[in-house]
Protein backbone atom coordinates (compact mmCIF):
# COMPACT_ATOMS: atom_id res chain seq x y z
CA UNK A 1 0.00 0.00 0.00
CA UNK A 2 1.36 3.40 -0.92
CA UNK A 3 0.26 6.82 0.23
CA UNK A 4 0.30 10.14 -1.55
CA UNK A 5 -0.09 13.40 0.34
CA UNK A 6 -1.60 16.34 -1.53
CA UNK A 7 -2.06 19.91 -0.35
CA UNK A 8 -5.52 21.28 -1.08
CA UNK A 9 -5.56 25.06 -0.92
CA UNK A 10 -7.96 26.92 1.30
CA UNK A 11 -11.18 28.25 -0.15
CA UNK A 12 -13.07 31.36 0.80
CA UNK A 13 -16.84 31.14 0.70
CA UNK A 14 -19.24 34.07 0.57
CA UNK A 15 -22.49 33.42 2.40
CA UNK A 16 -25.35 35.64 1.27
CA UNK A 17 -28.43 36.04 3.44
CA UNK A 18 -31.67 37.16 1.81
CA UNK A 19 -33.80 39.46 3.96
CA UNK A 20 -36.93 40.33 2.00
CA UNK A 21 -38.88 43.43 2.93
CA UNK A 22 -42.61 43.17 3.40
CA UNK A 23 -45.12 45.93 3.84
CA UNK A 24 -48.57 46.18 5.36
CA UNK A 25 -51.15 47.53 2.94
CA UNK A 26 -53.27 48.94 5.76
CA UNK A 27 -50.71 50.87 7.81
CA UNK A 28 -47.98 51.10 5.11
CA UNK A 29 -45.30 49.95 7.54
CA UNK A 30 -42.23 48.22 6.04
CA UNK A 31 -40.85 45.25 7.98
CA UNK A 32 -37.60 43.39 7.37
CA UNK A 33 -36.14 40.39 9.18
CA UNK A 34 -33.17 41.26 11.42
CA UNK A 35 -29.68 40.64 10.09
CA UNK A 36 -27.79 37.67 11.48
CA UNK A 37 -25.31 38.47 14.22
CA UNK A 38 -21.67 38.96 13.30
CA UNK A 39 -18.50 38.66 15.38
CA UNK A 40 -17.64 42.29 14.54
CA UNK A 41 -20.52 44.60 13.72
CA UNK A 42 -20.59 45.98 10.16
CA UNK A 43 -17.74 43.69 9.16
CA UNK A 44 -17.75 41.20 6.32
CA UNK A 45 -15.43 38.81 8.20
CA UNK A 46 -17.00 35.66 9.57
CA UNK A 47 -15.96 33.79 12.69
CA UNK A 48 -13.83 31.24 10.82
CA UNK A 49 -11.92 33.95 8.92
CA UNK A 50 -11.24 35.84 12.15
CA UNK A 51 -10.08 32.61 13.81
CA UNK A 52 -7.72 31.98 10.90
CA UNK A 53 -6.32 35.52 11.14
CA UNK A 54 -5.74 35.21 14.89
CA UNK A 55 -4.09 31.79 14.68
CA UNK A 56 -1.87 32.96 11.82
CA UNK A 57 -0.93 36.11 13.73
CA UNK A 58 -0.28 34.74 17.21
CA UNK A 59 0.52 31.05 16.71
CA UNK A 60 2.23 31.09 13.29
CA UNK A 61 3.74 34.59 13.82
CA UNK A 62 2.54 35.74 10.39
CA UNK A 63 2.32 39.55 10.18
CA UNK A 64 -0.99 41.09 9.16
CA UNK A 65 0.40 42.63 5.99
CA UNK A 66 1.50 39.17 4.79
CA UNK A 67 -1.93 37.79 5.60
CA UNK A 68 -3.42 40.55 3.44
CA UNK A 69 -1.14 39.48 0.58
CA UNK A 70 -2.21 35.85 0.99
CA UNK A 71 -5.89 36.79 1.07
CA UNK A 72 -5.38 39.02 -1.99
CA UNK A 73 -4.21 35.94 -3.92
CA UNK A 74 -7.60 34.44 -3.13
CA UNK A 75 -9.21 37.58 -4.63
CA UNK A 76 -10.18 38.99 -1.24
CA UNK A 77 -9.09 42.54 -0.51
CA UNK A 78 -9.19 42.89 3.24
CA UNK A 79 -8.04 46.21 4.69
CA UNK A 80 -5.24 45.96 7.24
CA UNK A 81 -7.17 48.27 9.53
CA UNK A 82 -10.02 45.75 9.69
CA UNK A 83 -7.55 42.96 10.39
CA UNK A 84 -6.06 44.93 13.27
CA UNK A 85 -9.51 45.76 14.62
CA UNK A 86 -10.61 42.14 14.32
CA UNK A 87 -7.52 40.92 16.13
CA UNK A 88 -8.02 43.44 18.94
CA UNK A 89 -4.77 45.17 18.08
CA UNK A 90 -4.18 48.92 18.10
PDB file of N, CA and C in Angstrom:
ATOM      1  N   UNK A   1       0.845  -1.170   0.000  1.00  0.00           N
ATOM      2  CA  UNK A   1       0.000   0.000   0.000  1.00  0.00           C
ATOM      3  C   UNK A   1       0.893   1.237   0.000  1.00  0.00           C
ATOM      4  N   UNK A   2       0.592   2.160  -0.873  1.00  0.00           N
ATOM      5  CA  UNK A   2       1.363   3.398  -0.921  1.00  0.00           C
ATOM      6  C   UNK A   2       0.446   4.579  -0.638  1.00  0.00           C
ATOM      7  N   UNK A   3       1.030   5.621  -0.115  1.00  0.00           N
ATOM      8  CA  UNK A   3       0.256   6.821   0.228  1.00  0.00           C
ATOM      9  C   UNK A   3       0.808   8.006  -0.543  1.00  0.00           C
ATOM     10  N   UNK A   4      -0.072   8.912  -0.864  1.00  0.00           N
ATOM     11  CA  UNK A   4       0.297  10.143  -1.546  1.00  0.00           C
ATOM     12  C   UNK A   4      -0.357  11.287  -0.798  1.00  0.00           C
ATOM     13  N   UNK A   5       0.426  12.257  -0.408  1.00  0.00           N
ATOM     14  CA  UNK A   5      -0.091  13.396   0.341  1.00  0.00           C
ATOM     15  C   UNK A   5      -0.194  14.586  -0.595  1.00  0.00           C
ATOM     16  N   UNK A   6      -1.362  15.166  -0.693  1.00  0.00           N
ATOM     17  CA  UNK A   6      -1.599  16.342  -1.530  1.00  0.00           C
ATOM     18  C   UNK A   6      -2.018  17.501  -0.638  1.00  0.00           C
ATOM     19  N   UNK A   7      -1.660  18.706  -1.067  1.00  0.00           N
ATOM     20  CA  UNK A   7      -2.062  19.910  -0.355  1.00  0.00           C
ATOM     21  C   UNK A   7      -3.213  20.539  -1.124  1.00  0.00           C
ATOM     22  N   UNK A   8      -4.353  20.660  -0.477  1.00  0.00           N
ATOM     23  CA  UNK A   8      -5.524  21.283  -1.078  1.00  0.00           C
ATOM     24  C   UNK A   8      -5.620  22.685  -0.502  1.00  0.00           C
ATOM     25  N   UNK A   9      -5.574  23.678  -1.385  1.00  0.00           N
ATOM     26  CA  UNK A   9      -5.561  25.065  -0.920  1.00  0.00           C
ATOM     27  C   UNK A   9      -6.878  25.437  -0.254  1.00  0.00           C
ATOM     28  N   UNK A  10      -6.784  26.433   0.587  1.00  0.00           N
ATOM     29  CA  UNK A  10      -7.960  26.919   1.302  1.00  0.00           C
ATOM     30  C   UNK A  10      -8.907  27.610   0.332  1.00  0.00           C
ATOM     31  N   UNK A  11     -10.175  27.586   0.661  1.00  0.00           N
ATOM     32  CA  UNK A  11     -11.182  28.245  -0.149  1.00  0.00           C
ATOM     33  C   UNK A  11     -11.930  29.248   0.715  1.00  0.00           C
ATOM     34  N   UNK A  12     -12.248  30.367   0.125  1.00  0.00           N
ATOM     35  CA  UNK A  12     -13.070  31.357   0.804  1.00  0.00           C
ATOM     36  C   UNK A  12     -14.477  31.257   0.242  1.00  0.00           C
ATOM     37  N   UNK A  13     -15.452  31.292   1.121  1.00  0.00           N
ATOM     38  CA  UNK A  13     -16.839  31.144   0.703  1.00  0.00           C
ATOM     39  C   UNK A  13     -17.625  32.363   1.164  1.00  0.00           C
ATOM     40  N   UNK A  14     -18.388  32.941   0.240  1.00  0.00           N
ATOM     41  CA  UNK A  14     -19.245  34.074   0.566  1.00  0.00           C
ATOM     42  C   UNK A  14     -20.636  33.538   0.846  1.00  0.00           C
ATOM     43  N   UNK A  15     -21.153  33.859   2.015  1.00  0.00           N
ATOM     44  CA  UNK A  15     -22.494  33.423   2.402  1.00  0.00           C
ATOM     45  C   UNK A  15     -23.423  34.632   2.312  1.00  0.00           C
ATOM     46  N   UNK A  16     -24.392  34.549   1.435  1.00  0.00           N
ATOM     47  CA  UNK A  16     -25.346  35.642   1.271  1.00  0.00           C
ATOM     48  C   UNK A  16     -26.643  35.277   1.983  1.00  0.00           C
ATOM     49  N   UNK A  17     -27.194  36.242   2.722  1.00  0.00           N
ATOM     50  CA  UNK A  17     -28.433  36.038   3.444  1.00  0.00           C
ATOM     51  C   UNK A  17     -29.497  36.956   2.850  1.00  0.00           C
ATOM     52  N   UNK A  18     -30.576  36.369   2.376  1.00  0.00           N
ATOM     53  CA  UNK A  18     -31.668  37.162   1.813  1.00  0.00           C
ATOM     54  C   UNK A  18     -32.593  37.605   2.944  1.00  0.00           C
ATOM     55  N   UNK A  19     -32.883  38.904   2.963  1.00  0.00           N
ATOM     56  CA  UNK A  19     -33.801  39.457   3.961  1.00  0.00           C
ATOM     57  C   UNK A  19     -34.869  40.276   3.234  1.00  0.00           C
ATOM     58  N   UNK A  20     -35.911  39.603   2.767  1.00  0.00           N
ATOM     59  CA  UNK A  20     -36.926  40.329   2.003  1.00  0.00           C
ATOM     60  C   UNK A  20     -37.697  41.324   2.876  1.00  0.00           C
ATOM     61  N   UNK A  21     -38.069  42.424   2.243  1.00  0.00           N
ATOM     62  CA  UNK A  21     -38.877  43.433   2.927  1.00  0.00           C
ATOM     63  C   UNK A  21     -40.339  43.175   2.599  1.00  0.00           C
ATOM     64  N   UNK A  22     -41.164  43.295   3.603  1.00  0.00           N
ATOM     65  CA  UNK A  22     -42.606  43.170   3.399  1.00  0.00           C
ATOM     66  C   UNK A  22     -43.276  44.419   3.938  1.00  0.00           C
ATOM     67  N   UNK A  23     -44.417  44.736   3.388  1.00  0.00           N
ATOM     68  CA  UNK A  23     -45.123  45.933   3.841  1.00  0.00           C
ATOM     69  C   UNK A  23     -46.591  45.601   4.090  1.00  0.00           C
ATOM     70  N   UNK A  24     -47.165  46.329   5.023  1.00  0.00           N
ATOM     71  CA  UNK A  24     -48.568  46.181   5.356  1.00  0.00           C
ATOM     72  C   UNK A  24     -49.358  47.160   4.479  1.00  0.00           C
ATOM     73  N   UNK A  25     -50.367  46.664   3.814  1.00  0.00           N
ATOM     74  CA  UNK A  25     -51.155  47.532   2.939  1.00  0.00           C
ATOM     75  C   UNK A  25     -52.066  48.470   3.725  1.00  0.00           C
ATOM     76  N   UNK A  26     -52.380  48.109   4.951  1.00  0.00           N
ATOM     77  CA  UNK A  26     -53.275  48.938   5.759  1.00  0.00           C
ATOM     78  C   UNK A  26     -52.519  50.108   6.390  1.00  0.00           C
ATOM     79  N   UNK A  27     -51.436  49.811   7.104  1.00  0.00           N
ATOM     80  CA  UNK A  27     -50.705  50.870   7.814  1.00  0.00           C
ATOM     81  C   UNK A  27     -49.470  51.360   7.064  1.00  0.00           C
ATOM     82  N   UNK A  28     -49.122  50.741   5.945  1.00  0.00           N
ATOM     83  CA  UNK A  28     -47.981  51.105   5.107  1.00  0.00           C
ATOM     84  C   UNK A  28     -46.645  51.054   5.852  1.00  0.00           C
ATOM     85  N   UNK A  29     -46.535  50.136   6.783  1.00  0.00           N
ATOM     86  CA  UNK A  29     -45.298  49.952   7.540  1.00  0.00           C
ATOM     87  C   UNK A  29     -44.451  48.891   6.844  1.00  0.00           C
ATOM     88  N   UNK A  30     -43.141  49.163   6.682  1.00  0.00           N
ATOM     89  CA  UNK A  30     -42.228  48.220   6.045  1.00  0.00           C
ATOM     90  C   UNK A  30     -41.496  47.447   7.136  1.00  0.00           C
ATOM     91  N   UNK A  31     -41.480  46.126   6.989  1.00  0.00           N
ATOM     92  CA  UNK A  31     -40.848  45.250   7.977  1.00  0.00           C
ATOM     93  C   UNK A  31     -39.808  44.389   7.260  1.00  0.00           C
ATOM     94  N   UNK A  32     -38.653  44.237   7.909  1.00  0.00           N
ATOM     95  CA  UNK A  32     -37.600  43.387   7.372  1.00  0.00           C
ATOM     96  C   UNK A  32     -37.043  42.529   8.503  1.00  0.00           C
ATOM     97  N   UNK A  33     -36.712  41.292   8.172  1.00  0.00           N
ATOM     98  CA  UNK A  33     -36.143  40.389   9.176  1.00  0.00           C
ATOM     99  C   UNK A  33     -34.801  40.944   9.653  1.00  0.00           C
ATOM    100  N   UNK A  34     -34.452  40.753  10.923  1.00  0.00           N
ATOM    101  CA  UNK A  34     -33.173  41.263  11.419  1.00  0.00           C
ATOM    102  C   UNK A  34     -31.996  40.530  10.772  1.00  0.00           C
ATOM    103  N   UNK A  35     -30.897  41.232  10.655  1.00  0.00           N
ATOM    104  CA  UNK A  35     -29.684  40.635  10.087  1.00  0.00           C
ATOM    105  C   UNK A  35     -29.096  39.642  11.077  1.00  0.00           C
ATOM    106  N   UNK A  36     -28.438  38.598  10.566  1.00  0.00           N
ATOM    107  CA  UNK A  36     -27.792  37.666  11.479  1.00  0.00           C
ATOM    108  C   UNK A  36     -26.652  38.353  12.229  1.00  0.00           C
ATOM    109  N   UNK A  37     -26.379  37.870  13.414  1.00  0.00           N
ATOM    110  CA  UNK A  37     -25.313  38.474  14.220  1.00  0.00           C
ATOM    111  C   UNK A  37     -23.957  38.177  13.595  1.00  0.00           C
ATOM    112  N   UNK A  38     -23.031  39.091  13.819  1.00  0.00           N
ATOM    113  CA  UNK A  38     -21.675  38.955  13.296  1.00  0.00           C
ATOM    114  C   UNK A  38     -20.686  39.115  14.447  1.00  0.00           C
ATOM    115  N   UNK A  39     -19.499  38.507  14.319  1.00  0.00           N
ATOM    116  CA  UNK A  39     -18.499  38.656  15.383  1.00  0.00           C
ATOM    117  C   UNK A  39     -18.080  40.115  15.589  1.00  0.00           C
ATOM    118  N   UNK A  40     -17.947  40.860  14.485  1.00  0.00           N
ATOM    119  CA  UNK A  40     -17.642  42.286  14.542  1.00  0.00           C
ATOM    120  C   UNK A  40     -18.733  42.990  13.757  1.00  0.00           C
ATOM    121  N   UNK A  41     -19.421  43.914  14.395  1.00  0.00           N
ATOM    122  CA  UNK A  41     -20.520  44.599  13.724  1.00  0.00           C
ATOM    123  C   UNK A  41     -20.038  45.329  12.479  1.00  0.00           C
ATOM    124  N   UNK A  42     -20.852  45.312  11.434  1.00  0.00           N
ATOM    125  CA  UNK A  42     -20.593  45.982  10.155  1.00  0.00           C
ATOM    126  C   UNK A  42     -19.323  45.484   9.471  1.00  0.00           C
ATOM    127  N   UNK A  43     -18.913  44.284   9.784  1.00  0.00           N
ATOM    128  CA  UNK A  43     -17.736  43.687   9.163  1.00  0.00           C
ATOM    129  C   UNK A  43     -18.190  42.552   8.255  1.00  0.00           C
ATOM    130  N   UNK A  44     -17.425  42.309   7.210  1.00  0.00           N
ATOM    131  CA  UNK A  44     -17.746  41.202   6.322  1.00  0.00           C
ATOM    132  C   UNK A  44     -16.986  39.932   6.706  1.00  0.00           C
ATOM    133  N   UNK A  45     -16.219  39.971   7.765  1.00  0.00           N
ATOM    134  CA  UNK A  45     -15.434  38.813   8.203  1.00  0.00           C
ATOM    135  C   UNK A  45     -16.271  37.917   9.096  1.00  0.00           C
ATOM    136  N   UNK A  46     -16.302  36.645   8.759  1.00  0.00           N
ATOM    137  CA  UNK A  46     -17.003  35.664   9.572  1.00  0.00           C
ATOM    138  C   UNK A  46     -16.109  35.143  10.695  1.00  0.00           C
ATOM    139  N   UNK A  47     -16.688  34.317  11.528  1.00  0.00           N
ATOM    140  CA  UNK A  47     -15.958  33.788  12.689  1.00  0.00           C
ATOM    141  C   UNK A  47     -14.770  32.927  12.270  1.00  0.00           C
ATOM    142  N   UNK A  48     -14.933  32.109  11.229  1.00  0.00           N
ATOM    143  CA  UNK A  48     -13.826  31.238  10.822  1.00  0.00           C
ATOM    144  C   UNK A  48     -12.677  32.032  10.214  1.00  0.00           C
ATOM    145  N   UNK A  49     -12.984  33.117   9.468  1.00  0.00           N
ATOM    146  CA  UNK A  49     -11.917  33.951   8.918  1.00  0.00           C
ATOM    147  C   UNK A  49     -11.167  34.674  10.028  1.00  0.00           C
ATOM    148  N   UNK A  50     -11.890  35.181  11.014  1.00  0.00           N
ATOM    149  CA  UNK A  50     -11.238  35.839  12.148  1.00  0.00           C
ATOM    150  C   UNK A  50     -10.379  34.856  12.937  1.00  0.00           C
ATOM    151  N   UNK A  51     -10.867  33.627  13.119  1.00  0.00           N
ATOM    152  CA  UNK A  51     -10.077  32.614  13.814  1.00  0.00           C
ATOM    153  C   UNK A  51      -8.797  32.312  13.046  1.00  0.00           C
ATOM    154  N   UNK A  52      -8.899  32.233  11.725  1.00  0.00           N
ATOM    155  CA  UNK A  52      -7.717  31.979  10.898  1.00  0.00           C
ATOM    156  C   UNK A  52      -6.707  33.124  11.022  1.00  0.00           C
ATOM    157  N   UNK A  53      -7.202  34.361  11.008  1.00  0.00           N
ATOM    158  CA  UNK A  53      -6.323  35.524  11.138  1.00  0.00           C
ATOM    159  C   UNK A  53      -5.615  35.510  12.487  1.00  0.00           C
ATOM    160  N   UNK A  54      -6.345  35.215  13.554  1.00  0.00           N
ATOM    161  CA  UNK A  54      -5.742  35.210  14.892  1.00  0.00           C
ATOM    162  C   UNK A  54      -4.721  34.093  15.071  1.00  0.00           C
ATOM    163  N   UNK A  55      -5.040  32.907  14.566  1.00  0.00           N
ATOM    164  CA  UNK A  55      -4.095  31.795  14.681  1.00  0.00           C
ATOM    165  C   UNK A  55      -2.844  32.087  13.861  1.00  0.00           C
ATOM    166  N   UNK A  56      -3.033  32.622  12.653  1.00  0.00           N
ATOM    167  CA  UNK A  56      -1.874  32.960  11.824  1.00  0.00           C
ATOM    168  C   UNK A  56      -1.023  34.046  12.470  1.00  0.00           C
ATOM    169  N   UNK A  57      -1.659  34.991  13.116  1.00  0.00           N
ATOM    170  CA  UNK A  57      -0.931  36.111  13.733  1.00  0.00           C
ATOM    171  C   UNK A  57      -0.179  35.673  14.986  1.00  0.00           C
ATOM    172  N   UNK A  58      -0.868  35.013  15.907  1.00  0.00           N
ATOM    173  CA  UNK A  58      -0.276  34.743  17.212  1.00  0.00           C
ATOM    174  C   UNK A  58       0.382  33.376  17.343  1.00  0.00           C
ATOM    175  N   UNK A  59      -0.071  32.386  16.587  1.00  0.00           N
ATOM    176  CA  UNK A  59       0.517  31.054  16.705  1.00  0.00           C
ATOM    177  C   UNK A  59       1.578  30.826  15.631  1.00  0.00           C
ATOM    178  N   UNK A  60       1.286  31.277  14.396  1.00  0.00           N
ATOM    179  CA  UNK A  60       2.228  31.088  13.293  1.00  0.00           C
ATOM    180  C   UNK A  60       3.149  32.287  13.107  1.00  0.00           C
ATOM    181  N   UNK A  61       2.923  33.375  13.867  1.00  0.00           N
ATOM    182  CA  UNK A  61       3.741  34.591  13.818  1.00  0.00           C
ATOM    183  C   UNK A  61       3.796  35.190  12.412  1.00  0.00           C
ATOM    184  N   UNK A  62       2.650  35.193  11.736  1.00  0.00           N
ATOM    185  CA  UNK A  62       2.542  35.741  10.388  1.00  0.00           C
ATOM    186  C   UNK A  62       2.000  37.162  10.483  1.00  0.00           C
ATOM    187  N   UNK A  63       2.779  38.164  10.065  1.00  0.00           N
ATOM    188  CA  UNK A  63       2.321  39.548  10.180  1.00  0.00           C
ATOM    189  C   UNK A  63       1.043  39.798   9.376  1.00  0.00           C
ATOM    190  N   UNK A  64       0.291  40.803   9.801  1.00  0.00           N
ATOM    191  CA  UNK A  64      -0.992  41.089   9.160  1.00  0.00           C
ATOM    192  C   UNK A  64      -0.835  41.510   7.702  1.00  0.00           C
ATOM    193  N   UNK A  65       0.234  42.216   7.380  1.00  0.00           N
ATOM    194  CA  UNK A  65       0.403  42.632   5.985  1.00  0.00           C
ATOM    195  C   UNK A  65       0.652  41.422   5.084  1.00  0.00           C
ATOM    196  N   UNK A  66       1.308  40.395   5.593  1.00  0.00           N
ATOM    197  CA  UNK A  66       1.500  39.173   4.794  1.00  0.00           C
ATOM    198  C   UNK A  66       0.189  38.414   4.654  1.00  0.00           C
ATOM    199  N   UNK A  67      -0.624  38.428   5.699  1.00  0.00           N
ATOM    200  CA  UNK A  67      -1.932  37.787   5.603  1.00  0.00           C
ATOM    201  C   UNK A  67      -2.787  38.483   4.552  1.00  0.00           C
ATOM    202  N   UNK A  68      -2.693  39.814   4.473  1.00  0.00           N
ATOM    203  CA  UNK A  68      -3.417  40.551   3.441  1.00  0.00           C
ATOM    204  C   UNK A  68      -2.956  40.127   2.051  1.00  0.00           C
ATOM    205  N   UNK A  69      -1.654  39.924   1.879  1.00  0.00           N
ATOM    206  CA  UNK A  69      -1.136  39.478   0.585  1.00  0.00           C
ATOM    207  C   UNK A  69      -1.640  38.084   0.240  1.00  0.00           C
ATOM    208  N   UNK A  70      -1.703  37.209   1.217  1.00  0.00           N
ATOM    209  CA  UNK A  70      -2.205  35.851   0.988  1.00  0.00           C
ATOM    210  C   UNK A  70      -3.689  35.894   0.622  1.00  0.00           C
ATOM    211  N   UNK A  71      -4.464  36.680   1.371  1.00  0.00           N
ATOM    212  CA  UNK A  71      -5.893  36.790   1.072  1.00  0.00           C
ATOM    213  C   UNK A  71      -6.134  37.462  -0.273  1.00  0.00           C
ATOM    214  N   UNK A  72      -5.252  38.364  -0.684  1.00  0.00           N
ATOM    215  CA  UNK A  72      -5.384  39.016  -1.993  1.00  0.00           C
ATOM    216  C   UNK A  72      -5.200  38.001  -3.118  1.00  0.00           C
ATOM    217  N   UNK A  73      -4.372  36.992  -2.908  1.00  0.00           N
ATOM    218  CA  UNK A  73      -4.210  35.939  -3.922  1.00  0.00           C
ATOM    219  C   UNK A  73      -5.480  35.127  -4.088  1.00  0.00           C
ATOM    220  N   UNK A  74      -6.299  35.111  -3.054  1.00  0.00           N
ATOM    221  CA  UNK A  74      -7.598  34.439  -3.125  1.00  0.00           C
ATOM    222  C   UNK A  74      -8.683  35.404  -3.586  1.00  0.00           C
ATOM    223  N   UNK A  75      -8.291  36.549  -4.109  1.00  0.00           N
ATOM    224  CA  UNK A  75      -9.208  37.584  -4.630  1.00  0.00           C
ATOM    225  C   UNK A  75     -10.045  38.204  -3.524  1.00  0.00           C
ATOM    226  N   UNK A  76      -9.491  38.325  -2.337  1.00  0.00           N
ATOM    227  CA  UNK A  76     -10.177  38.993  -1.240  1.00  0.00           C
ATOM    228  C   UNK A  76      -9.303  40.151  -0.784  1.00  0.00           C
ATOM    229  N   UNK A  77      -9.801  41.354  -0.968  1.00  0.00           N
ATOM    230  CA  UNK A  77      -9.087  42.539  -0.511  1.00  0.00           C
ATOM    231  C   UNK A  77      -9.631  42.867   0.865  1.00  0.00           C
ATOM    232  N   UNK A  78      -8.781  42.707   1.860  1.00  0.00           N
ATOM    233  CA  UNK A  78      -9.190  42.889   3.245  1.00  0.00           C
ATOM    234  C   UNK A  78      -8.321  43.971   3.854  1.00  0.00           C
ATOM    235  N   UNK A  79      -8.871  45.127   4.166  1.00  0.00           N
ATOM    236  CA  UNK A  79      -8.037  46.213   4.687  1.00  0.00           C
ATOM    237  C   UNK A  79      -7.292  45.817   5.956  1.00  0.00           C
ATOM    238  N   UNK A  80      -6.056  46.282   6.060  1.00  0.00           N
ATOM    239  CA  UNK A  80      -5.237  45.962   7.237  1.00  0.00           C
ATOM    240  C   UNK A  80      -5.860  46.529   8.500  1.00  0.00           C
ATOM    241  N   UNK A  81      -6.531  47.662   8.370  1.00  0.00           N
ATOM    242  CA  UNK A  81      -7.173  48.272   9.528  1.00  0.00           C
ATOM    243  C   UNK A  81      -8.226  47.332  10.098  1.00  0.00           C
ATOM    244  N   UNK A  82      -8.992  46.678   9.226  1.00  0.00           N
ATOM    245  CA  UNK A  82     -10.020  45.755   9.695  1.00  0.00           C
ATOM    246  C   UNK A  82      -9.375  44.533  10.327  1.00  0.00           C
ATOM    247  N   UNK A  83      -8.248  44.091   9.781  1.00  0.00           N
ATOM    248  CA  UNK A  83      -7.546  42.959  10.393  1.00  0.00           C
ATOM    249  C   UNK A  83      -7.070  43.314  11.787  1.00  0.00           C
ATOM    250  N   UNK A  84      -6.528  44.525  11.948  1.00  0.00           N
ATOM    251  CA  UNK A  84      -6.060  44.932  13.268  1.00  0.00           C
ATOM    252  C   UNK A  84      -7.231  45.058  14.235  1.00  0.00           C
ATOM    253  N   UNK A  85      -8.329  45.617  13.765  1.00  0.00           N
ATOM    254  CA  UNK A  85      -9.506  45.760  14.624  1.00  0.00           C
ATOM    255  C   UNK A  85     -10.047  44.386  15.007  1.00  0.00           C
ATOM    256  N   UNK A  86     -10.102  43.471  14.049  1.00  0.00           N
ATOM    257  CA  UNK A  86     -10.607  42.140  14.321  1.00  0.00           C
ATOM    258  C   UNK A  86      -9.734  41.363  15.274  1.00  0.00           C
ATOM    259  N   UNK A  87      -8.438  41.634  15.257  1.00  0.00           N
ATOM    260  CA  UNK A  87      -7.524  40.918  16.131  1.00  0.00           C
ATOM    261  C   UNK A  87      -7.399  41.591  17.496  1.00  0.00           C
ATOM    262  N   UNK A  88      -8.087  42.713  17.675  1.00  0.00           N
ATOM    263  CA  UNK A  88      -8.016  43.435  18.937  1.00  0.00           C
ATOM    264  C   UNK A  88      -6.699  44.160  19.123  1.00  0.00           C
ATOM    265  N   UNK A  89      -6.054  44.484  18.019  1.00  0.00           N
ATOM    266  CA  UNK A  89      -4.771  45.171  18.077  1.00  0.00           C
ATOM    267  C   UNK A  89      -4.963  46.651  17.843  1.00  0.00           C
ATOM    268  N   UNK A  90      -4.047  47.491  18.334  1.00  0.00           N
ATOM    269  CA  UNK A  90      -4.183  48.924  18.102  1.00  0.00           C
ATOM    270  C   UNK A  90      -3.925  49.317  16.663  1.00  0.00           C
TER     271      UNK A  90
END
